[in-house]
Amino acid sequence: MKTNNLLRPKFSFILALAFAFILAFQFGASKVLAADSSVASADTARIINVTGDGEVTATPDIAYLYLGVTVDKSTTIDAQNTASTEMNNVIAAIKKEGIQNEDIKTDDYSIRPKYNYDKNTGASTLAGYTVSNTLKVTVKDISKAGQVIDTAVKNGANISNGISFGVSNYEKYYNTALQNALSNAQSKAQSISSFLGAKLTTPVKITENSSGVPNDYPVPLYDKASLNNSSASTAINSGTYKIRANVNLVYQY
C-alpha cells in the first residue's frame, strides 16, 4: 500500500504533463491552420490591375539654347585662352539682350587632342588641341530666342547643340495630366468590373509610374558650318509642349 501511495504523485505529474503537451500542440496547430488560411486567402484574392495615361498640351513660354565656342590651337594653353576670351564675348553680348547671369550655365567643357593622319604610312601625329565650351542659356521671353542666338553667333559662338522648350508652371500642368491618367485607369477598371459583374471598390494600390520631371531633349538647330556662314536672322517656332503622366491602379473584387 505504501508503494502505491508513492507512485500516485508521479503518475499524476505525468498525466498533467501529457495534458499540457496536448493543449500546446492543439493551440500551435490552430495558429498554423489560421496562418495557412490567411496565406491561401491572399494567394487566391481576385484583382483588377490597370494602367492609365494622361496628357496635357501647353504653349511653351521658355526656350533653352545650347550654344558655345570651339577652338583649335597648337597647345592646350592657347586653345583654352582663346576659347575663354571668345566665350566671355558671347556671354557679355547675350547679357545685353536681357539674359540674366543665373540663366547662363556651363553645359559642357572638353579638351581633346587633334591628330593628322598620313594615309601612306598609317601614322598619326599630334597636330594640336581642340577646346569646346558649351552653355545652356534659358530664355524666359521665348519671343527673343532667335535674337539671342543671332547675337551669340555674331559675337563668336560657332557651335550649337540645339534648342528645347518648356513651360514655367510645369507642376500645374503635370498634376492635371496625372488626374487625367487616374481617370483613364479608373474608366478601364469600371469597364472590366462591369463585364465581370463585380463591384468596384477603392483601389488597394496606386503607383505613379511617371517621374513628374520635365524632359529636356534639345532639337538640333543647325551645324557648325551653318553657324559660321549664317547671315539671316533665326526664326524660332516653339509649337506645342506635351506633358504626360502614367499610373497603375490595383483593385480587389
C-alpha atoms as a PDB file:
ATOM      1  CA  MET A   1       0.000   0.000   0.000  1.00  0.00           C
ATOM      2  CA  LYS A   2       2.835   2.338   0.747  1.00  0.00           C
ATOM      3  CA  THR A   3       4.292   1.650  -2.688  1.00  0.00           C
ATOM      4  CA  ASN A   4       1.046   2.626  -4.430  1.00  0.00           C
ATOM      5  CA  ASN A   5       0.865   5.834  -2.445  1.00  0.00           C
ATOM      6  CA  LEU A   6       4.380   6.755  -3.556  1.00  0.00           C
ATOM      7  CA  LEU A   7       3.568   6.136  -7.228  1.00  0.00           C
ATOM      8  CA  ARG A   8       0.409   8.253  -7.295  1.00  0.00           C
ATOM      9  CA  PRO A   9       2.142  11.689  -7.278  1.00  0.00           C
ATOM     10  CA  LYS A  10       4.495  10.623 -10.072  1.00  0.00           C
ATOM     11  CA  PHE A  11       1.616   9.250 -12.142  1.00  0.00           C
ATOM     12  CA  SER A  12      -0.420  12.441 -11.619  1.00  0.00           C
ATOM     13  CA  PHE A  13       2.546  14.554 -12.720  1.00  0.00           C
ATOM     14  CA  ILE A  14       2.967  12.510 -15.904  1.00  0.00           C
ATOM     15  CA  LEU A  15      -0.756  12.875 -16.720  1.00  0.00           C
ATOM     16  CA  ALA A  16      -0.599  16.644 -16.165  1.00  0.00           C
ATOM     17  CA  LEU A  17       2.477  16.929 -18.366  1.00  0.00           C
ATOM     18  CA  ALA A  18       0.820  14.915 -21.151  1.00  0.00           C
ATOM     19  CA  PHE A  19      -2.333  17.031 -20.940  1.00  0.00           C
ATOM     20  CA  ALA A  20      -0.295  20.250 -21.153  1.00  0.00           C
ATOM     21  CA  PHE A  21       1.554  18.900 -24.192  1.00  0.00           C
ATOM     22  CA  ILE A  22      -1.735  18.069 -25.938  1.00  0.00           C
ATOM     23  CA  LEU A  23      -3.114  21.551 -25.258  1.00  0.00           C
ATOM     24  CA  ALA A  24       0.065  23.204 -26.551  1.00  0.00           C
ATOM     25  CA  PHE A  25       0.019  21.086 -29.708  1.00  0.00           C
ATOM     26  CA  GLN A  26      -3.626  21.902 -30.426  1.00  0.00           C
ATOM     27  CA  PHE A  27      -3.053  25.623 -29.885  1.00  0.00           C
ATOM     28  CA  GLY A  28       0.007  25.637 -32.153  1.00  0.00           C
ATOM     29  CA  ALA A  29      -1.808  23.673 -34.815  1.00  0.00           C
ATOM     30  CA  SER A  30      -4.714  26.117 -34.756  1.00  0.00           C
ATOM     31  CA  LYS A  31      -2.283  29.015 -35.265  1.00  0.00           C
ATOM     32  CA  VAL A  32      -0.647  27.232 -38.201  1.00  0.00           C
ATOM     33  CA  LEU A  33      -4.038  26.495 -39.738  1.00  0.00           C
ATOM     34  CA  ALA A  34      -5.060  30.125 -39.288  1.00  0.00           C
ATOM     35  CA  ALA A  35      -1.832  31.322 -40.913  1.00  0.00           C
ATOM     36  CA  ASP A  36      -2.227  28.872 -43.772  1.00  0.00           C
ATOM     37  CA  SER A  37      -5.790  30.059 -44.258  1.00  0.00           C
ATOM     38  CA  SER A  38      -4.616  33.686 -44.382  1.00  0.00           C
ATOM     39  CA  VAL A  39      -1.915  32.890 -46.947  1.00  0.00           C
ATOM     40  CA  ALA A  40      -4.358  30.929 -49.031  1.00  0.00           C
ATOM     41  CA  SER A  41      -6.800  33.852 -48.916  1.00  0.00           C
ATOM     42  CA  ALA A  42      -4.104  36.280 -50.085  1.00  0.00           C
ATOM     43  CA  ASP A  43      -2.947  33.959 -52.844  1.00  0.00           C
ATOM     44  CA  THR A  44      -6.453  33.436 -54.181  1.00  0.00           C
ATOM     45  CA  ALA A  45      -7.553  37.101 -53.972  1.00  0.00           C
ATOM     46  CA  ARG A  46      -9.007  38.308 -57.255  1.00  0.00           C
ATOM     47  CA  ILE A  47      -7.575  41.575 -58.547  1.00  0.00           C
ATOM     48  CA  ILE A  48      -8.047  44.009 -61.419  1.00  0.00           C
ATOM     49  CA  ASN A  49      -4.750  45.619 -62.467  1.00  0.00           C
ATOM     50  CA  VAL A  50      -4.998  48.583 -64.866  1.00  0.00           C
ATOM     51  CA  THR A  51      -2.745  51.362 -66.185  1.00  0.00           C
ATOM     52  CA  GLY A  52      -3.822  54.859 -67.120  1.00  0.00           C
ATOM     53  CA  ASP A  53      -2.303  57.540 -69.338  1.00  0.00           C
ATOM     54  CA  GLY A  54      -2.910  61.268 -69.153  1.00  0.00           C
ATOM     55  CA  GLU A  55      -1.717  64.135 -71.332  1.00  0.00           C
ATOM     56  CA  VAL A  56      -1.939  67.914 -71.321  1.00  0.00           C
ATOM     57  CA  THR A  57      -0.936  70.204 -74.191  1.00  0.00           C
ATOM     58  CA  ALA A  58       0.536  73.600 -73.333  1.00  0.00           C
ATOM     59  CA  THR A  59       2.082  76.506 -75.194  1.00  0.00           C
ATOM     60  CA  PRO A  60       5.808  76.811 -74.341  1.00  0.00           C
ATOM     61  CA  ASP A  61       6.922  80.064 -72.742  1.00  0.00           C
ATOM     62  CA  ILE A  62      10.594  79.168 -72.103  1.00  0.00           C
ATOM     63  CA  ALA A  63      13.392  78.297 -74.545  1.00  0.00           C
ATOM     64  CA  TYR A  64      16.645  76.534 -73.659  1.00  0.00           C
ATOM     65  CA  LEU A  65      19.539  77.254 -76.026  1.00  0.00           C
ATOM     66  CA  TYR A  66      22.669  75.101 -76.167  1.00  0.00           C
ATOM     67  CA  LEU A  67      25.471  77.031 -77.851  1.00  0.00           C
ATOM     68  CA  GLY A  68      29.131  77.826 -77.413  1.00  0.00           C
ATOM     69  CA  VAL A  69      32.583  78.062 -78.939  1.00  0.00           C
ATOM     70  CA  THR A  70      35.147  75.569 -80.183  1.00  0.00           C
ATOM     71  CA  VAL A  71      38.795  76.480 -80.828  1.00  0.00           C
ATOM     72  CA  ASP A  72      41.722  74.625 -82.448  1.00  0.00           C
ATOM     73  CA  LYS A  73      45.251  75.607 -81.365  1.00  0.00           C
ATOM     74  CA  SER A  74      48.696  74.006 -81.240  1.00  0.00           C
ATOM     75  CA  THR A  75      48.828  73.964 -77.417  1.00  0.00           C
ATOM     76  CA  THR A  76      46.231  73.438 -74.737  1.00  0.00           C
ATOM     77  CA  ILE A  77      47.048  76.786 -73.115  1.00  0.00           C
ATOM     78  CA  ASP A  78      46.488  78.718 -76.349  1.00  0.00           C
ATOM     79  CA  ALA A  79      43.264  76.805 -77.034  1.00  0.00           C
ATOM     80  CA  GLN A  80      41.928  77.408 -73.521  1.00  0.00           C
ATOM     81  CA  ASN A  81      42.827  81.100 -73.501  1.00  0.00           C
ATOM     82  CA  THR A  82      41.287  81.749 -76.916  1.00  0.00           C
ATOM     83  CA  ALA A  83      38.124  79.792 -76.049  1.00  0.00           C
ATOM     84  CA  SER A  84      37.819  81.685 -72.763  1.00  0.00           C
ATOM     85  CA  THR A  85      38.119  85.067 -74.499  1.00  0.00           C
ATOM     86  CA  GLU A  86      35.531  84.179 -77.136  1.00  0.00           C
ATOM     87  CA  MET A  87      33.120  82.737 -74.586  1.00  0.00           C
ATOM     88  CA  ASN A  88      33.377  85.862 -72.437  1.00  0.00           C
ATOM     89  CA  ASN A  89      32.457  87.909 -75.517  1.00  0.00           C
ATOM     90  CA  VAL A  90      29.422  85.690 -76.151  1.00  0.00           C
ATOM     91  CA  ILE A  91      28.242  85.927 -72.540  1.00  0.00           C
ATOM     92  CA  ALA A  92      28.656  89.704 -72.409  1.00  0.00           C
ATOM     93  CA  ALA A  93      26.690  90.067 -75.647  1.00  0.00           C
ATOM     94  CA  ILE A  94      23.711  87.903 -74.654  1.00  0.00           C
ATOM     95  CA  LYS A  95      23.506  89.652 -71.285  1.00  0.00           C
ATOM     96  CA  LYS A  96      22.857  92.849 -73.221  1.00  0.00           C
ATOM     97  CA  GLU A  97      19.843  91.054 -74.705  1.00  0.00           C
ATOM     98  CA  GLY A  98      18.374  90.752 -71.210  1.00  0.00           C
ATOM     99  CA  ILE A  99      19.670  87.303 -70.251  1.00  0.00           C
ATOM    100  CA  GLN A 100      20.395  87.162 -66.519  1.00  0.00           C
ATOM    101  CA  ASN A 101      23.555  85.636 -65.073  1.00  0.00           C
ATOM    102  CA  GLU A 102      21.598  82.851 -63.300  1.00  0.00           C
ATOM    103  CA  ASP A 103      20.156  81.802 -66.675  1.00  0.00           C
ATOM    104  CA  ILE A 104      23.613  81.126 -68.159  1.00  0.00           C
ATOM    105  CA  LYS A 105      25.188  77.811 -67.160  1.00  0.00           C
ATOM    106  CA  THR A 106      28.101  75.759 -68.484  1.00  0.00           C
ATOM    107  CA  ASP A 107      26.620  72.653 -70.115  1.00  0.00           C
ATOM    108  CA  ASP A 108      29.820  71.012 -71.386  1.00  0.00           C
ATOM    109  CA  TYR A 109      33.564  71.689 -71.447  1.00  0.00           C
ATOM    110  CA  SER A 110      36.133  69.470 -73.149  1.00  0.00           C
ATOM    111  CA  ILE A 111      39.794  69.401 -74.257  1.00  0.00           C
ATOM    112  CA  ARG A 112      40.663  66.898 -76.984  1.00  0.00           C
ATOM    113  CA  PRO A 113      43.913  66.232 -78.864  1.00  0.00           C
ATOM    114  CA  LYS A 114      43.788  66.662 -82.631  1.00  0.00           C
ATOM    115  CA  TYR A 115      45.777  64.349 -84.923  1.00  0.00           C
ATOM    116  CA  ASN A 116      46.867  64.373 -88.554  1.00  0.00           C
ATOM    117  CA  TYR A 117      46.671  61.002 -90.279  1.00  0.00           C
ATOM    118  CA  ASP A 118      49.149  60.009 -93.010  1.00  0.00           C
ATOM    119  CA  LYS A 119      47.423  57.658 -95.476  1.00  0.00           C
ATOM    120  CA  ASN A 120      50.747  56.460 -96.899  1.00  0.00           C
ATOM    121  CA  THR A 121      52.424  55.466 -93.649  1.00  0.00           C
ATOM    122  CA  GLY A 122      49.349  54.988 -91.486  1.00  0.00           C
ATOM    123  CA  ALA A 123      50.977  57.109 -88.798  1.00  0.00           C
ATOM    124  CA  SER A 124      49.184  59.726 -86.717  1.00  0.00           C
ATOM    125  CA  THR A 125      50.936  62.842 -85.459  1.00  0.00           C
ATOM    126  CA  LEU A 126      49.699  65.302 -82.884  1.00  0.00           C
ATOM    127  CA  ALA A 127      48.529  68.476 -84.633  1.00  0.00           C
ATOM    128  CA  GLY A 128      47.149  70.417 -81.688  1.00  0.00           C
ATOM    129  CA  TYR A 129      44.210  70.584 -79.322  1.00  0.00           C
ATOM    130  CA  THR A 130      40.507  71.386 -79.547  1.00  0.00           C
ATOM    131  CA  VAL A 131      38.741  73.151 -76.688  1.00  0.00           C
ATOM    132  CA  SER A 132      34.931  73.242 -76.710  1.00  0.00           C
ATOM    133  CA  ASN A 133      32.806  75.187 -74.239  1.00  0.00           C
ATOM    134  CA  THR A 134      29.007  74.969 -74.412  1.00  0.00           C
ATOM    135  CA  LEU A 135      26.420  76.977 -72.495  1.00  0.00           C
ATOM    136  CA  LYS A 136      22.826  76.264 -71.567  1.00  0.00           C
ATOM    137  CA  VAL A 137      21.009  79.583 -71.892  1.00  0.00           C
ATOM    138  CA  THR A 138      17.488  79.932 -70.503  1.00  0.00           C
ATOM    139  CA  VAL A 139      15.413  82.462 -72.436  1.00  0.00           C
ATOM    140  CA  LYS A 140      12.325  83.314 -70.382  1.00  0.00           C
ATOM    141  CA  ASP A 141      10.905  85.576 -73.085  1.00  0.00           C
ATOM    142  CA  ILE A 142      10.529  82.988 -75.826  1.00  0.00           C
ATOM    143  CA  SER A 143       9.957  85.655 -78.484  1.00  0.00           C
ATOM    144  CA  LYS A 144      13.611  86.710 -78.061  1.00  0.00           C
ATOM    145  CA  ALA A 145      15.115  83.241 -78.583  1.00  0.00           C
ATOM    146  CA  GLY A 146      16.040  83.825 -82.226  1.00  0.00           C
ATOM    147  CA  GLN A 147      17.541  87.217 -81.449  1.00  0.00           C
ATOM    148  CA  VAL A 148      19.672  85.767 -78.634  1.00  0.00           C
ATOM    149  CA  ILE A 149      21.009  83.086 -80.997  1.00  0.00           C
ATOM    150  CA  ASP A 150      21.894  85.677 -83.641  1.00  0.00           C
ATOM    151  CA  THR A 151      23.670  87.853 -81.075  1.00  0.00           C
ATOM    152  CA  ALA A 152      25.685  84.890 -79.774  1.00  0.00           C
ATOM    153  CA  VAL A 153      26.762  83.903 -83.302  1.00  0.00           C
ATOM    154  CA  LYS A 154      27.800  87.444 -84.207  1.00  0.00           C
ATOM    155  CA  ASN A 155      29.986  87.570 -81.105  1.00  0.00           C
ATOM    156  CA  GLY A 156      31.875  84.304 -81.524  1.00  0.00           C
ATOM    157  CA  ALA A 157      29.540  81.336 -80.939  1.00  0.00           C
ATOM    158  CA  ASN A 158      30.288  78.670 -83.554  1.00  0.00           C
ATOM    159  CA  ILE A 159      28.654  75.506 -82.176  1.00  0.00           C
ATOM    160  CA  SER A 160      25.052  74.689 -81.352  1.00  0.00           C
ATOM    161  CA  ASN A 161      23.731  71.585 -79.631  1.00  0.00           C
ATOM    162  CA  GLY A 162      20.137  72.529 -80.330  1.00  0.00           C
ATOM    163  CA  ILE A 163      17.139  74.110 -78.650  1.00  0.00           C
ATOM    164  CA  SER A 164      14.382  72.801 -76.399  1.00  0.00           C
ATOM    165  CA  PHE A 165      11.207  74.317 -74.987  1.00  0.00           C
ATOM    166  CA  GLY A 166       9.384  74.228 -71.682  1.00  0.00           C
ATOM    167  CA  VAL A 167       6.684  75.828 -69.566  1.00  0.00           C
ATOM    168  CA  SER A 168       7.244  77.941 -66.478  1.00  0.00           C
ATOM    169  CA  ASN A 169       4.433  76.327 -64.447  1.00  0.00           C
ATOM    170  CA  TYR A 170       5.246  72.704 -65.237  1.00  0.00           C
ATOM    171  CA  GLU A 171       3.957  71.223 -61.958  1.00  0.00           C
ATOM    172  CA  LYS A 172       0.468  72.641 -62.532  1.00  0.00           C
ATOM    173  CA  TYR A 173       0.248  71.038 -65.980  1.00  0.00           C
ATOM    174  CA  TYR A 174       1.710  67.753 -64.743  1.00  0.00           C
ATOM    175  CA  ASN A 175      -0.828  67.468 -61.913  1.00  0.00           C
ATOM    176  CA  THR A 176      -3.621  67.895 -64.455  1.00  0.00           C
ATOM    177  CA  ALA A 177      -2.060  65.185 -66.631  1.00  0.00           C
ATOM    178  CA  LEU A 178      -1.821  62.971 -63.520  1.00  0.00           C
ATOM    179  CA  GLN A 179      -5.530  63.431 -62.794  1.00  0.00           C
ATOM    180  CA  ASN A 180      -6.312  62.550 -66.405  1.00  0.00           C
ATOM    181  CA  ALA A 181      -4.224  59.378 -66.055  1.00  0.00           C
ATOM    182  CA  LEU A 182      -6.114  58.373 -62.891  1.00  0.00           C
ATOM    183  CA  SER A 183      -9.456  58.943 -64.622  1.00  0.00           C
ATOM    184  CA  ASN A 184      -8.277  56.876 -67.579  1.00  0.00           C
ATOM    185  CA  ALA A 185      -7.238  53.986 -65.324  1.00  0.00           C
ATOM    186  CA  GLN A 186     -10.461  54.139 -63.317  1.00  0.00           C
ATOM    187  CA  SER A 187     -12.539  54.086 -66.501  1.00  0.00           C
ATOM    188  CA  LYS A 188     -10.731  50.940 -67.641  1.00  0.00           C
ATOM    189  CA  ALA A 189     -11.303  49.260 -64.266  1.00  0.00           C
ATOM    190  CA  GLN A 190     -15.015  50.124 -64.366  1.00  0.00           C
ATOM    191  CA  SER A 191     -15.355  48.599 -67.826  1.00  0.00           C
ATOM    192  CA  ILE A 192     -13.654  45.399 -66.678  1.00  0.00           C
ATOM    193  CA  SER A 193     -15.672  45.109 -63.444  1.00  0.00           C
ATOM    194  CA  SER A 194     -18.921  45.783 -65.319  1.00  0.00           C
ATOM    195  CA  PHE A 195     -18.151  42.995 -67.763  1.00  0.00           C
ATOM    196  CA  LEU A 196     -17.355  40.618 -64.885  1.00  0.00           C
ATOM    197  CA  GLY A 197     -20.399  41.669 -62.873  1.00  0.00           C
ATOM    198  CA  ALA A 198     -18.134  42.656 -59.994  1.00  0.00           C
ATOM    199  CA  LYS A 199     -18.460  45.621 -57.650  1.00  0.00           C
ATOM    200  CA  LEU A 200     -15.613  48.129 -57.954  1.00  0.00           C
ATOM    201  CA  THR A 201     -14.256  49.485 -54.676  1.00  0.00           C
ATOM    202  CA  THR A 202     -11.445  51.841 -53.707  1.00  0.00           C
ATOM    203  CA  PRO A 203      -8.041  50.873 -55.217  1.00  0.00           C
ATOM    204  CA  VAL A 204      -5.867  48.887 -52.826  1.00  0.00           C
ATOM    205  CA  LYS A 205      -2.715  50.199 -54.520  1.00  0.00           C
ATOM    206  CA  ILE A 206      -1.885  53.258 -56.653  1.00  0.00           C
ATOM    207  CA  THR A 207       1.505  53.654 -58.352  1.00  0.00           C
ATOM    208  CA  GLU A 208       2.739  56.762 -60.150  1.00  0.00           C
ATOM    209  CA  ASN A 209       4.963  55.469 -62.947  1.00  0.00           C
ATOM    210  CA  SER A 210       5.906  58.830 -64.481  1.00  0.00           C
ATOM    211  CA  SER A 211       8.573  60.928 -62.775  1.00  0.00           C
ATOM    212  CA  GLY A 212       6.946  64.343 -62.992  1.00  0.00           C
ATOM    213  CA  VAL A 213      10.277  65.788 -64.161  1.00  0.00           C
ATOM    214  CA  PRO A 214      10.343  67.784 -67.430  1.00  0.00           C
ATOM    215  CA  ASN A 215      12.045  66.102 -70.371  1.00  0.00           C
ATOM    216  CA  ASP A 216      14.698  68.391 -71.820  1.00  0.00           C
ATOM    217  CA  TYR A 217      15.802  66.956 -75.164  1.00  0.00           C
ATOM    218  CA  PRO A 218      17.464  69.570 -77.402  1.00  0.00           C
ATOM    219  CA  VAL A 219      16.375  69.628 -81.044  1.00  0.00           C
ATOM    220  CA  PRO A 220      19.259  70.405 -83.465  1.00  0.00           C
ATOM    221  CA  LEU A 221      19.118  73.895 -84.937  1.00  0.00           C
ATOM    222  CA  TYR A 222      21.983  73.759 -87.374  1.00  0.00           C
ATOM    223  CA  ASP A 223      25.572  72.565 -87.581  1.00  0.00           C
ATOM    224  CA  LYS A 224      28.869  74.351 -87.035  1.00  0.00           C
ATOM    225  CA  ALA A 225      29.326  75.265 -90.702  1.00  0.00           C
ATOM    226  CA  SER A 226      25.931  76.918 -90.991  1.00  0.00           C
ATOM    227  CA  LEU A 227      26.570  78.873 -87.801  1.00  0.00           C
ATOM    228  CA  ASN A 228      29.796  80.262 -89.207  1.00  0.00           C
ATOM    229  CA  ASN A 229      28.185  81.199 -92.519  1.00  0.00           C
ATOM    230  CA  SER A 230      24.763  82.313 -91.301  1.00  0.00           C
ATOM    231  CA  SER A 231      23.701  85.879 -92.063  1.00  0.00           C
ATOM    232  CA  ALA A 232      19.903  85.602 -91.945  1.00  0.00           C
ATOM    233  CA  SER A 233      18.021  86.101 -88.690  1.00  0.00           C
ATOM    234  CA  THR A 234      16.982  82.949 -86.896  1.00  0.00           C
ATOM    235  CA  ALA A 235      13.253  82.154 -86.806  1.00  0.00           C
ATOM    236  CA  ILE A 236      12.067  80.050 -83.858  1.00  0.00           C
ATOM    237  CA  ASN A 237       8.774  78.156 -83.804  1.00  0.00           C
ATOM    238  CA  SER A 238       8.062  76.594 -80.414  1.00  0.00           C
ATOM    239  CA  GLY A 239       4.998  74.594 -81.459  1.00  0.00           C
ATOM    240  CA  THR A 240       3.206  72.891 -78.565  1.00  0.00           C
ATOM    241  CA  TYR A 241       4.522  71.181 -75.446  1.00  0.00           C
ATOM    242  CA  LYS A 242       3.033  67.906 -74.213  1.00  0.00           C
ATOM    243  CA  ILE A 243       3.139  66.869 -70.552  1.00  0.00           C
ATOM    244  CA  ARG A 244       2.396  63.186 -69.919  1.00  0.00           C
ATOM    245  CA  ALA A 245       1.646  61.072 -66.839  1.00  0.00           C
ATOM    246  CA  ASN A 246       1.186  57.344 -66.246  1.00  0.00           C
ATOM    247  CA  VAL A 247      -0.296  55.473 -63.266  1.00  0.00           C
ATOM    248  CA  ASN A 248      -1.133  51.926 -62.198  1.00  0.00           C
ATOM    249  CA  LEU A 249      -4.204  51.008 -60.110  1.00  0.00           C
ATOM    250  CA  VAL A 250      -4.938  47.702 -58.378  1.00  0.00           C
ATOM    251  CA  TYR A 251      -8.470  46.749 -57.279  1.00  0.00           C
ATOM    252  CA  GLN A 252      -9.725  43.698 -55.383  1.00  0.00           C
ATOM    253  CA  TYR A 253     -13.118  42.157 -56.118  1.00  0.00           C
END
